[in-house]
PDB file of all heavy atoms in Angstrom:
ATOM      1  N   VAL A   1       0.849  -1.186   0.000  1.00  0.00           N
ATOM      2  CA  VAL A   1       0.000   0.000   0.000  1.00  0.00           C
ATOM      3  C   VAL A   1       0.891   1.245   0.000  1.00  0.00           C
ATOM      4  O   VAL A   1       1.796   1.377   0.824  1.00  0.00           O
ATOM      5  CB  VAL A   1      -0.913   0.028   1.243  1.00  0.00           C
ATOM      6  CG1 VAL A   1      -1.754   1.308   1.268  1.00  0.00           C
ATOM      7  CG2 VAL A   1      -1.813  -1.204   1.279  1.00  0.00           C
ATOM      8  N   VAL A   2       0.638   2.142  -0.952  1.00  0.00           N
ATOM      9  CA  VAL A   2       1.409   3.395  -0.997  1.00  0.00           C
ATOM     10  C   VAL A   2       0.545   4.620  -0.747  1.00  0.00           C
ATOM     11  O   VAL A   2       1.048   5.657  -0.337  1.00  0.00           O
ATOM     12  CB  VAL A   2       2.178   3.546  -2.337  1.00  0.00           C
ATOM     13  CG1 VAL A   2       3.289   2.518  -2.437  1.00  0.00           C
ATOM     14  CG2 VAL A   2       1.257   3.451  -3.534  1.00  0.00           C
ATOM     15  N   LYS A   3      -0.744   4.516  -0.992  1.00  0.00           N
ATOM     16  CA  LYS A   3      -1.665   5.612  -0.697  1.00  0.00           C
ATOM     17  C   LYS A   3      -2.976   5.036  -0.174  1.00  0.00           C
ATOM     18  O   LYS A   3      -3.550   4.141  -0.788  1.00  0.00           O
ATOM     19  CB  LYS A   3      -1.949   6.448  -1.958  1.00  0.00           C
ATOM     20  CG  LYS A   3      -0.766   7.257  -2.475  1.00  0.00           C
ATOM     21  CD  LYS A   3      -0.488   8.459  -1.577  1.00  0.00           C
ATOM     22  CE  LYS A   3       0.626   9.328  -2.160  1.00  0.00           C
ATOM     23  NZ  LYS A   3       0.880  10.529  -1.334  1.00  0.00           N
ATOM     24  N   GLU A   4      -3.425   5.562   0.966  1.00  0.00           N
ATOM     25  CA  GLU A   4      -4.687   5.113   1.521  1.00  0.00           C
ATOM     26  C   GLU A   4      -5.624   6.314   1.650  1.00  0.00           C
ATOM     27  O   GLU A   4      -5.195   7.459   1.511  1.00  0.00           O
ATOM     28  CB  GLU A   4      -4.484   4.436   2.871  1.00  0.00           C
ATOM     29  CG  GLU A   4      -4.220   5.373   4.038  1.00  0.00           C
ATOM     30  CD  GLU A   4      -2.772   5.759   4.230  1.00  0.00           C
ATOM     31  OE1 GLU A   4      -1.968   5.517   3.296  1.00  0.00           O
ATOM     32  OE2 GLU A   4      -2.438   6.309   5.290  1.00  0.00           O
ATOM     33  N   ASN A   5      -6.873   6.029   1.895  1.00  0.00           N
ATOM     34  CA  ASN A   5      -7.838   7.095   2.095  1.00  0.00           C
ATOM     35  C   ASN A   5      -8.009   7.388   3.582  1.00  0.00           C
ATOM     36  O   ASN A   5      -7.519   6.660   4.445  1.00  0.00           O
ATOM     37  CB  ASN A   5      -9.176   6.726   1.441  1.00  0.00           C
ATOM     38  CG  ASN A   5      -9.135   6.906  -0.066  1.00  0.00           C
ATOM     39  OD1 ASN A   5      -9.082   8.020  -0.560  1.00  0.00           O
ATOM     40  ND2 ASN A   5      -9.136   5.795  -0.798  1.00  0.00           N
ATOM     41  N   GLU A   6      -8.749   8.443   3.865  1.00  0.00           N
ATOM     42  CA  GLU A   6      -8.829   8.955   5.231  1.00  0.00           C
ATOM     43  C   GLU A   6      -9.329   7.917   6.227  1.00  0.00           C
ATOM     44  O   GLU A   6      -8.861   7.848   7.362  1.00  0.00           O
ATOM     45  CB  GLU A   6      -9.746  10.183   5.256  1.00  0.00           C
ATOM     46  CG  GLU A   6      -9.683  10.957   6.552  1.00  0.00           C
ATOM     47  CD  GLU A   6     -10.375  12.302   6.444  1.00  0.00           C
ATOM     48  OE1 GLU A   6     -10.266  12.961   5.400  1.00  0.00           O
ATOM     49  OE2 GLU A   6     -11.035  12.678   7.432  1.00  0.00           O
ATOM     50  N   ASP A   7     -10.294   7.101   5.822  1.00  0.00           N
ATOM     51  CA  ASP A   7     -10.889   6.124   6.738  1.00  0.00           C
ATOM     52  C   ASP A   7     -10.325   4.715   6.561  1.00  0.00           C
ATOM     53  O   ASP A   7     -10.919   3.743   7.035  1.00  0.00           O
ATOM     54  CB  ASP A   7     -12.411   6.097   6.551  1.00  0.00           C
ATOM     55  CG  ASP A   7     -13.061   7.434   6.860  1.00  0.00           C
ATOM     56  OD1 ASP A   7     -12.574   8.120   7.779  1.00  0.00           O
ATOM     57  OD2 ASP A   7     -14.037   7.790   6.180  1.00  0.00           O
ATOM     58  N   SER A   8      -9.193   4.599   5.896  1.00  0.00           N
ATOM     59  CA  SER A   8      -8.641   3.285   5.592  1.00  0.00           C
ATOM     60  C   SER A   8      -8.182   2.557   6.856  1.00  0.00           C
ATOM     61  O   SER A   8      -7.620   3.164   7.773  1.00  0.00           O
ATOM     62  CB  SER A   8      -7.450   3.403   4.638  1.00  0.00           C
ATOM     63  OG  SER A   8      -7.852   3.891   3.380  1.00  0.00           O
ATOM     64  N   HIS A   9      -8.427   1.240   6.880  1.00  0.00           N
ATOM     65  CA  HIS A   9      -7.846   0.425   7.945  1.00  0.00           C
ATOM     66  C   HIS A   9      -6.502  -0.142   7.516  1.00  0.00           C
ATOM     67  O   HIS A   9      -5.726  -0.604   8.344  1.00  0.00           O
ATOM     68  CB  HIS A   9      -8.802  -0.700   8.351  1.00  0.00           C
ATOM     69  CG  HIS A   9      -9.043  -1.725   7.283  1.00  0.00           C
ATOM     70  ND1 HIS A   9      -9.988  -1.559   6.301  1.00  0.00           N
ATOM     71  CD2 HIS A   9      -8.450  -2.922   7.030  1.00  0.00           C
ATOM     72  CE1 HIS A   9      -9.984  -2.610   5.497  1.00  0.00           C
ATOM     73  NE2 HIS A   9      -9.057  -3.454   5.916  1.00  0.00           N
ATOM     74  N   LEU A  10      -6.238  -0.118   6.220  1.00  0.00           N
ATOM     75  CA  LEU A  10      -4.918  -0.488   5.709  1.00  0.00           C
ATOM     76  C   LEU A  10      -4.078   0.777   5.581  1.00  0.00           C
ATOM     77  O   LEU A  10      -4.580   1.823   5.169  1.00  0.00           O
ATOM     78  CB  LEU A  10      -5.057  -1.176   4.348  1.00  0.00           C
ATOM     79  CG  LEU A  10      -5.804  -2.509   4.335  1.00  0.00           C
ATOM     80  CD1 LEU A  10      -6.044  -2.977   2.908  1.00  0.00           C
ATOM     81  CD2 LEU A  10      -5.037  -3.567   5.118  1.00  0.00           C
ATOM     82  N   LYS A  11      -2.810   0.672   5.899  1.00  0.00           N
ATOM     83  CA  LYS A  11      -1.950   1.843   5.927  1.00  0.00           C
ATOM     84  C   LYS A  11      -0.770   1.697   4.972  1.00  0.00           C
ATOM     85  O   LYS A  11      -0.382   0.584   4.609  1.00  0.00           O
ATOM     86  CB  LYS A  11      -1.427   2.092   7.355  1.00  0.00           C
ATOM     87  CG  LYS A  11      -2.541   2.284   8.385  1.00  0.00           C
ATOM     88  CD  LYS A  11      -3.450   3.462   8.024  1.00  0.00           C
ATOM     89  CE  LYS A  11      -4.580   3.630   9.031  1.00  0.00           C
ATOM     90  NZ  LYS A  11      -5.513   4.723   8.625  1.00  0.00           N
ATOM     91  N   ALA A  12      -0.223   2.824   4.584  1.00  0.00           N
ATOM     92  CA  ALA A  12       0.929   2.822   3.683  1.00  0.00           C
ATOM     93  C   ALA A  12       2.047   1.978   4.275  1.00  0.00           C
ATOM     94  O   ALA A  12       2.315   2.021   5.476  1.00  0.00           O
ATOM     95  CB  ALA A  12       1.406   4.252   3.433  1.00  0.00           C
ATOM     96  N   GLY A  13       2.668   1.182   3.402  1.00  0.00           N
ATOM     97  CA  GLY A  13       3.738   0.290   3.820  1.00  0.00           C
ATOM     98  C   GLY A  13       3.273  -1.117   4.122  1.00  0.00           C
ATOM     99  O   GLY A  13       4.088  -2.029   4.258  1.00  0.00           O
ATOM    100  N   GLN A  14       1.954  -1.309   4.224  1.00  0.00           N
ATOM    101  CA  GLN A  14       1.401  -2.622   4.546  1.00  0.00           C
ATOM    102  C   GLN A  14       1.395  -3.515   3.312  1.00  0.00           C
ATOM    103  O   GLN A  14       1.088  -3.074   2.204  1.00  0.00           O
ATOM    104  CB  GLN A  14      -0.026  -2.465   5.085  1.00  0.00           C
ATOM    105  CG  GLN A  14      -0.464  -3.574   5.998  1.00  0.00           C
ATOM    106  CD  GLN A  14      -1.704  -3.191   6.807  1.00  0.00           C
ATOM    107  OE1 GLN A  14      -2.151  -2.053   6.817  1.00  0.00           O
ATOM    108  NE2 GLN A  14      -2.268  -4.180   7.480  1.00  0.00           N
ATOM    109  N   LEU A  15       1.726  -4.789   3.503  1.00  0.00           N
ATOM    110  CA  LEU A  15       1.705  -5.779   2.431  1.00  0.00           C
ATOM    111  C   LEU A  15       0.295  -6.338   2.298  1.00  0.00           C
ATOM    112  O   LEU A  15      -0.324  -6.727   3.294  1.00  0.00           O
ATOM    113  CB  LEU A  15       2.695  -6.904   2.742  1.00  0.00           C
ATOM    114  CG  LEU A  15       2.981  -7.909   1.622  1.00  0.00           C
ATOM    115  CD1 LEU A  15       3.793  -7.254   0.516  1.00  0.00           C
ATOM    116  CD2 LEU A  15       3.733  -9.116   2.179  1.00  0.00           C
ATOM    117  N   VAL A  16      -0.215  -6.377   1.066  1.00  0.00           N
ATOM    118  CA  VAL A  16      -1.577  -6.869   0.845  1.00  0.00           C
ATOM    119  C   VAL A  16      -1.624  -7.797  -0.362  1.00  0.00           C
ATOM    120  O   VAL A  16      -0.771  -7.753  -1.249  1.00  0.00           O
ATOM    121  CB  VAL A  16      -2.583  -5.712   0.630  1.00  0.00           C
ATOM    122  CG1 VAL A  16      -2.720  -4.864   1.877  1.00  0.00           C
ATOM    123  CG2 VAL A  16      -2.211  -4.864  -0.582  1.00  0.00           C
ATOM    124  N   GLY A  17      -2.669  -8.624  -0.381  1.00  0.00           N
ATOM    125  CA  GLY A  17      -2.976  -9.446  -1.539  1.00  0.00           C
ATOM    126  C   GLY A  17      -4.289  -8.979  -2.139  1.00  0.00           C
ATOM    127  O   GLY A  17      -5.226  -8.632  -1.412  1.00  0.00           O
ATOM    128  N   ILE A  18      -4.374  -8.993  -3.463  1.00  0.00           N
ATOM    129  CA  ILE A  18      -5.585  -8.564  -4.169  1.00  0.00           C
ATOM    130  C   ILE A  18      -6.016  -9.699  -5.085  1.00  0.00           C
ATOM    131  O   ILE A  18      -5.289 -10.077  -6.002  1.00  0.00           O
ATOM    132  CB  ILE A  18      -5.331  -7.286  -4.996  1.00  0.00           C
ATOM    133  CG1 ILE A  18      -4.803  -6.171  -4.086  1.00  0.00           C
ATOM    134  CG2 ILE A  18      -6.607  -6.845  -5.699  1.00  0.00           C
ATOM    135  CD1 ILE A  18      -4.383  -4.909  -4.846  1.00  0.00           C
ATOM    136  N   PRO A  19      -7.215 -10.259  -4.863  1.00  0.00           N
ATOM    137  CA  PRO A  19      -7.678 -11.409  -5.639  1.00  0.00           C
ATOM    138  C   PRO A  19      -8.664 -11.028  -6.736  1.00  0.00           C
ATOM    139  O   PRO A  19      -8.901  -9.843  -7.018  1.00  0.00           O
ATOM    140  CB  PRO A  19      -8.366 -12.256  -4.570  1.00  0.00           C
ATOM    141  CG  PRO A  19      -9.007 -11.228  -3.673  1.00  0.00           C
ATOM    142  CD  PRO A  19      -8.085 -10.022  -3.694  1.00  0.00           C
ATOM    143  N   TRP A  20      -9.288 -12.042  -7.322  1.00  0.00           N
ATOM    144  CA  TRP A  20     -10.259 -11.908  -8.418  1.00  0.00           C
ATOM    145  C   TRP A  20     -11.475 -11.077  -8.014  1.00  0.00           C
ATOM    146  O   TRP A  20     -11.885 -10.168  -8.738  1.00  0.00           O
ATOM    147  CB  TRP A  20     -10.674 -13.309  -8.855  1.00  0.00           C
ATOM    148  CG  TRP A  20     -11.821 -13.429  -9.813  1.00  0.00           C
ATOM    149  CD1 TRP A  20     -13.070 -13.907  -9.527  1.00  0.00           C
ATOM    150  CD2 TRP A  20     -11.826 -13.133 -11.221  1.00  0.00           C
ATOM    151  NE1 TRP A  20     -13.855 -13.913 -10.664  1.00  0.00           N
ATOM    152  CE2 TRP A  20     -13.112 -13.443 -11.711  1.00  0.00           C
ATOM    153  CE3 TRP A  20     -10.870 -12.639 -12.107  1.00  0.00           C
ATOM    154  CZ2 TRP A  20     -13.481 -13.281 -13.044  1.00  0.00           C
ATOM    155  CZ3 TRP A  20     -11.226 -12.469 -13.446  1.00  0.00           C
ATOM    156  CH2 TRP A  20     -12.505 -12.785 -13.906  1.00  0.00           C
ATOM    157  N   LEU A  21     -12.069 -11.377  -6.877  1.00  0.00           N
ATOM    158  CA  LEU A  21     -13.249 -10.635  -6.439  1.00  0.00           C
ATOM    159  C   LEU A  21     -12.824  -9.258  -5.967  1.00  0.00           C
ATOM    160  O   LEU A  21     -12.176  -9.112  -4.934  1.00  0.00           O
ATOM    161  CB  LEU A  21     -13.973 -11.382  -5.313  1.00  0.00           C
ATOM    162  CG  LEU A  21     -15.326 -10.802  -4.890  1.00  0.00           C
ATOM    163  CD1 LEU A  21     -16.357 -10.930  -6.006  1.00  0.00           C
ATOM    164  CD2 LEU A  21     -15.840 -11.488  -3.624  1.00  0.00           C
ATOM    165  N   GLY A  22     -13.228  -8.230  -6.736  1.00  0.00           N
ATOM    166  CA  GLY A  22     -12.751  -6.883  -6.450  1.00  0.00           C
ATOM    167  C   GLY A  22     -13.763  -5.963  -5.815  1.00  0.00           C
ATOM    168  O   GLY A  22     -13.398  -4.926  -5.248  1.00  0.00           O
ATOM    169  N   TYR A  23     -15.056  -6.330  -5.878  1.00  0.00           N
ATOM    170  CA  TYR A  23     -16.101  -5.478  -5.303  1.00  0.00           C
ATOM    171  C   TYR A  23     -17.416  -6.242  -5.300  1.00  0.00           C
ATOM    172  O   TYR A  23     -17.717  -6.981  -6.246  1.00  0.00           O
ATOM    173  CB  TYR A  23     -16.270  -4.199  -6.132  1.00  0.00           C
ATOM    174  CG  TYR A  23     -17.507  -3.404  -5.781  1.00  0.00           C
ATOM    175  CD1 TYR A  23     -17.502  -2.493  -4.725  1.00  0.00           C
ATOM    176  CD2 TYR A  23     -18.696  -3.570  -6.505  1.00  0.00           C
ATOM    177  CE1 TYR A  23     -18.647  -1.768  -4.393  1.00  0.00           C
ATOM    178  CE2 TYR A  23     -19.843  -2.846  -6.180  1.00  0.00           C
ATOM    179  CZ  TYR A  23     -19.810  -1.955  -5.125  1.00  0.00           C
ATOM    180  OH  TYR A  23     -20.935  -1.243  -4.806  1.00  0.00           O
ATOM    181  N   THR A  24     -18.187  -6.091  -4.236  1.00  0.00           N
ATOM    182  CA  THR A  24     -19.576  -6.557  -4.215  1.00  0.00           C
ATOM    183  C   THR A  24     -20.438  -5.454  -3.611  1.00  0.00           C
ATOM    184  O   THR A  24     -19.952  -4.621  -2.829  1.00  0.00           O
ATOM    185  CB  THR A  24     -19.758  -7.850  -3.397  1.00  0.00           C
ATOM    186  OG1 THR A  24     -19.311  -7.634  -2.050  1.00  0.00           O
ATOM    187  CG2 THR A  24     -18.960  -8.989  -4.019  1.00  0.00           C
ATOM    188  N   CYS A  25     -21.721  -5.476  -3.955  1.00  0.00           N
ATOM    189  CA  CYS A  25     -22.591  -4.364  -3.569  1.00  0.00           C
ATOM    190  C   CYS A  25     -23.064  -4.439  -2.131  1.00  0.00           C
ATOM    191  O   CYS A  25     -23.383  -3.420  -1.513  1.00  0.00           O
ATOM    192  CB  CYS A  25     -23.786  -4.278  -4.508  1.00  0.00           C
ATOM    193  SG  CYS A  25     -24.984  -5.650  -4.346  1.00  0.00           S
ATOM    194  N   GLY A  26     -23.155  -5.662  -1.569  1.00  0.00           N
ATOM    195  CA  GLY A  26     -23.638  -5.821  -0.212  1.00  0.00           C
ATOM    196  C   GLY A  26     -25.138  -5.661  -0.055  1.00  0.00           C
ATOM    197  O   GLY A  26     -25.665  -5.739   1.066  1.00  0.00           O
ATOM    198  N   LYS A  27     -25.862  -5.468  -1.162  1.00  0.00           N
ATOM    199  CA  LYS A  27     -27.290  -5.158  -1.085  1.00  0.00           C
ATOM    200  C   LYS A  27     -28.178  -6.125  -1.862  1.00  0.00           C
ATOM    201  O   LYS A  27     -29.380  -6.202  -1.589  1.00  0.00           O
ATOM    202  CB  LYS A  27     -27.534  -3.741  -1.601  1.00  0.00           C
ATOM    203  CG  LYS A  27     -26.820  -2.656  -0.807  1.00  0.00           C
ATOM    204  CD  LYS A  27     -27.036  -1.283  -1.439  1.00  0.00           C
ATOM    205  CE  LYS A  27     -26.295  -0.210  -0.668  1.00  0.00           C
ATOM    206  NZ  LYS A  27     -26.476   1.129  -1.296  1.00  0.00           N
ATOM    207  N   CYS A  28     -27.636  -6.812  -2.832  1.00  0.00           N
ATOM    208  CA  CYS A  28     -28.464  -7.691  -3.657  1.00  0.00           C
ATOM    209  C   CYS A  28     -28.853  -8.935  -2.856  1.00  0.00           C
ATOM    210  O   CYS A  28     -28.324  -9.198  -1.767  1.00  0.00           O
ATOM    211  CB  CYS A  28     -27.742  -8.078  -4.945  1.00  0.00           C
ATOM    212  SG  CYS A  28     -26.370  -9.239  -4.718  1.00  0.00           S
ATOM    213  N   ILE A  29     -29.749  -9.729  -3.408  1.00  0.00           N
ATOM    214  CA  ILE A  29     -30.269 -10.893  -2.687  1.00  0.00           C
ATOM    215  C   ILE A  29     -29.166 -11.890  -2.339  1.00  0.00           C
ATOM    216  O   ILE A  29     -29.191 -12.525  -1.284  1.00  0.00           O
ATOM    217  CB  ILE A  29     -31.394 -11.573  -3.509  1.00  0.00           C
ATOM    218  CG1 ILE A  29     -32.060 -12.680  -2.690  1.00  0.00           C
ATOM    219  CG2 ILE A  29     -30.863 -12.125  -4.837  1.00  0.00           C
ATOM    220  CD1 ILE A  29     -33.312 -13.236  -3.344  1.00  0.00           C
ATOM    221  N   TYR A  30     -28.156 -11.992  -3.207  1.00  0.00           N
ATOM    222  CA  TYR A  30     -27.081 -12.955  -2.951  1.00  0.00           C
ATOM    223  C   TYR A  30     -26.150 -12.462  -1.854  1.00  0.00           C
ATOM    224  O   TYR A  30     -25.748 -13.235  -0.976  1.00  0.00           O
ATOM    225  CB  TYR A  30     -26.318 -13.234  -4.246  1.00  0.00           C
ATOM    226  CG  TYR A  30     -27.226 -13.783  -5.316  1.00  0.00           C
ATOM    227  CD1 TYR A  30     -27.634 -12.989  -6.390  1.00  0.00           C
ATOM    228  CD2 TYR A  30     -27.716 -15.076  -5.240  1.00  0.00           C
ATOM    229  CE1 TYR A  30     -28.486 -13.481  -7.364  1.00  0.00           C
ATOM    230  CE2 TYR A  30     -28.581 -15.583  -6.208  1.00  0.00           C
ATOM    231  CZ  TYR A  30     -28.960 -14.773  -7.262  1.00  0.00           C
ATOM    232  OH  TYR A  30     -29.827 -15.268  -8.202  1.00  0.00           O
ATOM    233  N   CYS A  31     -25.818 -11.182  -1.860  1.00  0.00           N
ATOM    234  CA  CYS A  31     -24.998 -10.629  -0.785  1.00  0.00           C
ATOM    235  C   CYS A  31     -25.712 -10.767   0.552  1.00  0.00           C
ATOM    236  O   CYS A  31     -25.094 -11.119   1.570  1.00  0.00           O
ATOM    237  CB  CYS A  31     -24.681  -9.167  -1.068  1.00  0.00           C
ATOM    238  SG  CYS A  31     -23.443  -8.900  -2.360  1.00  0.00           S
ATOM    239  N   LEU A  32     -27.015 -10.504   0.563  1.00  0.00           N
ATOM    240  CA  LEU A  32     -27.777 -10.592   1.806  1.00  0.00           C
ATOM    241  C   LEU A  32     -27.900 -12.031   2.307  1.00  0.00           C
ATOM    242  O   LEU A  32     -28.125 -12.258   3.500  1.00  0.00           O
ATOM    243  CB  LEU A  32     -29.164  -9.972   1.614  1.00  0.00           C
ATOM    244  CG  LEU A  32     -29.171  -8.459   1.339  1.00  0.00           C
ATOM    245  CD1 LEU A  32     -30.575  -7.964   1.069  1.00  0.00           C
ATOM    246  CD2 LEU A  32     -28.539  -7.686   2.506  1.00  0.00           C
ATOM    247  N   ARG A  33     -27.744 -12.988   1.410  1.00  0.00           N
ATOM    248  CA  ARG A  33     -27.749 -14.408   1.809  1.00  0.00           C
ATOM    249  C   ARG A  33     -26.371 -14.890   2.249  1.00  0.00           C
ATOM    250  O   ARG A  33     -26.198 -16.056   2.595  1.00  0.00           O
ATOM    251  CB  ARG A  33     -28.191 -15.279   0.629  1.00  0.00           C
ATOM    252  CG  ARG A  33     -29.658 -15.209   0.278  1.00  0.00           C
ATOM    253  CD  ARG A  33     -29.902 -16.092  -0.938  1.00  0.00           C
ATOM    254  NE  ARG A  33     -31.273 -16.023  -1.412  1.00  0.00           N
ATOM    255  CZ  ARG A  33     -31.686 -16.548  -2.572  1.00  0.00           C
ATOM    256  NH1 ARG A  33     -30.808 -17.184  -3.363  1.00  0.00           N
ATOM    257  NH2 ARG A  33     -32.938 -16.464  -2.935  1.00  0.00           N
ATOM    258  N   GLY A  34     -25.378 -14.007   2.208  1.00  0.00           N
ATOM    259  CA  GLY A  34     -24.012 -14.425   2.514  1.00  0.00           C
ATOM    260  C   GLY A  34     -23.324 -15.124   1.366  1.00  0.00           C
ATOM    261  O   GLY A  34     -22.348 -15.850   1.560  1.00  0.00           O
ATOM    262  N   MET A  35     -23.826 -14.897   0.149  1.00  0.00           N
ATOM    263  CA  MET A  35     -23.264 -15.523  -1.060  1.00  0.00           C
ATOM    264  C   MET A  35     -22.699 -14.434  -1.973  1.00  0.00           C
ATOM    265  O   MET A  35     -23.088 -14.284  -3.115  1.00  0.00           O
ATOM    266  CB  MET A  35     -24.351 -16.321  -1.770  1.00  0.00           C
ATOM    267  CG  MET A  35     -25.007 -17.380  -0.893  1.00  0.00           C
ATOM    268  SD  MET A  35     -26.524 -18.064  -1.622  1.00  0.00           S
ATOM    269  CE  MET A  35     -25.834 -19.066  -2.943  1.00  0.00           C
ATOM    270  N   GLU A  36     -21.747 -13.653  -1.424  1.00  0.00           N
ATOM    271  CA  GLU A  36     -21.247 -12.513  -2.182  1.00  0.00           C
ATOM    272  C   GLU A  36     -20.513 -12.928  -3.459  1.00  0.00           C
ATOM    273  O   GLU A  36     -20.358 -12.119  -4.377  1.00  0.00           O
ATOM    274  CB  GLU A  36     -20.341 -11.639  -1.319  1.00  0.00           C
ATOM    275  CG  GLU A  36     -19.027 -12.275  -0.911  1.00  0.00           C
ATOM    276  CD  GLU A  36     -18.145 -11.322  -0.119  1.00  0.00           C
ATOM    277  OE1 GLU A  36     -18.562 -10.186   0.142  1.00  0.00           O
ATOM    278  OE2 GLU A  36     -17.019 -11.738   0.222  1.00  0.00           O
ATOM    279  N   ASN A  37     -20.083 -14.185  -3.523  1.00  0.00           N
ATOM    280  CA  ASN A  37     -19.445 -14.659  -4.749  1.00  0.00           C
ATOM    281  C   ASN A  37     -20.401 -14.669  -5.933  1.00  0.00           C
ATOM    282  O   ASN A  37     -19.974 -14.724  -7.093  1.00  0.00           O
ATOM    283  CB  ASN A  37     -18.861 -16.061  -4.542  1.00  0.00           C
ATOM    284  CG  ASN A  37     -19.893 -17.080  -4.106  1.00  0.00           C
ATOM    285  OD1 ASN A  37     -20.624 -16.854  -3.144  1.00  0.00           O
ATOM    286  ND2 ASN A  37     -19.954 -18.199  -4.791  1.00  0.00           N
ATOM    287  N   LEU A  38     -21.703 -14.589  -5.648  1.00  0.00           N
ATOM    288  CA  LEU A  38     -22.722 -14.567  -6.703  1.00  0.00           C
ATOM    289  C   LEU A  38     -23.348 -13.180  -6.865  1.00  0.00           C
ATOM    290  O   LEU A  38     -24.365 -13.040  -7.558  1.00  0.00           O
ATOM    291  CB  LEU A  38     -23.821 -15.600  -6.396  1.00  0.00           C
ATOM    292  CG  LEU A  38     -23.364 -17.041  -6.201  1.00  0.00           C
ATOM    293  CD1 LEU A  38     -24.559 -17.935  -5.894  1.00  0.00           C
ATOM    294  CD2 LEU A  38     -22.614 -17.553  -7.423  1.00  0.00           C
ATOM    295  N   CYS A  39     -22.757 -12.171  -6.263  1.00  0.00           N
ATOM    296  CA  CYS A  39     -23.297 -10.802  -6.299  1.00  0.00           C
ATOM    297  C   CYS A  39     -23.641 -10.375  -7.721  1.00  0.00           C
ATOM    298  O   CYS A  39     -22.847 -10.550  -8.647  1.00  0.00           O
ATOM    299  CB  CYS A  39     -22.282  -9.830  -5.712  1.00  0.00           C
ATOM    300  SG  CYS A  39     -22.738  -8.084  -5.848  1.00  0.00           S
ATOM    301  N   GLU A  40     -24.837  -9.806  -7.871  1.00  0.00           N
ATOM    302  CA  GLU A  40     -25.297  -9.382  -9.196  1.00  0.00           C
ATOM    303  C   GLU A  40     -24.556  -8.156  -9.705  1.00  0.00           C
ATOM    304  O   GLU A  40     -24.610  -7.852 -10.898  1.00  0.00           O
ATOM    305  CB  GLU A  40     -26.801  -9.096  -9.157  1.00  0.00           C
ATOM    306  CG  GLU A  40     -27.642 -10.357  -8.978  1.00  0.00           C
ATOM    307  CD  GLU A  40     -29.124 -10.094  -9.135  1.00  0.00           C
ATOM    308  OE1 GLU A  40     -29.588  -9.032  -8.672  1.00  0.00           O
ATOM    309  OE2 GLU A  40     -29.812 -10.948  -9.721  1.00  0.00           O
ATOM    310  N   ASN A  41     -23.889  -7.444  -8.817  1.00  0.00           N
ATOM    311  CA  ASN A  41     -23.199  -6.207  -9.198  1.00  0.00           C
ATOM    312  C   ASN A  41     -21.698  -6.290  -8.953  1.00  0.00           C
ATOM    313  O   ASN A  41     -21.033  -5.269  -8.815  1.00  0.00           O
ATOM    314  CB  ASN A  41     -23.797  -5.029  -8.422  1.00  0.00           C
ATOM    315  CG  ASN A  41     -25.296  -4.915  -8.626  1.00  0.00           C
ATOM    316  OD1 ASN A  41     -25.761  -4.699  -9.740  1.00  0.00           O
ATOM    317  ND2 ASN A  41     -26.065  -5.094  -7.558  1.00  0.00           N
ATOM    318  N   ALA A  42     -21.183  -7.496  -8.889  1.00  0.00           N
ATOM    319  CA  ALA A  42     -19.767  -7.695  -8.573  1.00  0.00           C
ATOM    320  C   ALA A  42     -18.865  -7.133  -9.667  1.00  0.00           C
ATOM    321  O   ALA A  42     -19.228  -7.076 -10.846  1.00  0.00           O
ATOM    322  CB  ALA A  42     -19.483  -9.182  -8.379  1.00  0.00           C
ATOM    323  N   LEU A  43     -17.672  -6.742  -9.245  1.00  0.00           N
ATOM    324  CA  LEU A  43     -16.604  -6.346 -10.162  1.00  0.00           C
ATOM    325  C   LEU A  43     -15.413  -7.253  -9.898  1.00  0.00           C
ATOM    326  O   LEU A  43     -15.177  -7.676  -8.758  1.00  0.00           O
ATOM    327  CB  LEU A  43     -16.219  -4.880  -9.951  1.00  0.00           C
ATOM    328  CG  LEU A  43     -17.315  -3.840 -10.229  1.00  0.00           C
ATOM    329  CD1 LEU A  43     -16.844  -2.452  -9.816  1.00  0.00           C
ATOM    330  CD2 LEU A  43     -17.715  -3.854 -11.704  1.00  0.00           C
ATOM    331  N   PHE A  44     -14.666  -7.535 -10.965  1.00  0.00           N
ATOM    332  CA  PHE A  44     -13.599  -8.529 -10.866  1.00  0.00           C
ATOM    333  C   PHE A  44     -12.269  -7.950 -11.333  1.00  0.00           C
ATOM    334  O   PHE A  44     -12.172  -7.340 -12.411  1.00  0.00           O
ATOM    335  CB  PHE A  44     -13.959  -9.763 -11.688  1.00  0.00           C
ATOM    336  CG  PHE A  44     -15.248 -10.399 -11.260  1.00  0.00           C
ATOM    337  CD1 PHE A  44     -16.417 -10.193 -11.971  1.00  0.00           C
ATOM    338  CD2 PHE A  44     -15.303 -11.173 -10.114  1.00  0.00           C
ATOM    339  CE1 PHE A  44     -17.613 -10.753 -11.569  1.00  0.00           C
ATOM    340  CE2 PHE A  44     -16.499 -11.736  -9.685  1.00  0.00           C
ATOM    341  CZ  PHE A  44     -17.662 -11.529 -10.415  1.00  0.00           C
TER     342      PHE A  44
END
C-alpha cells in the first residue's frame, strides 16, 4: 500500500494481496444471503 484514504484500515507500507473478487454491492439478494461470490453487481 502506498496511498490510503482517510478512513482506511490499511496503511501505507502494509503488504496486501488482491484477488479476483474486487467489489460486491452488499445489497443484492445474494450478498444478503451471505453468497457474495454470486453478487449481481460484482466487479472482478
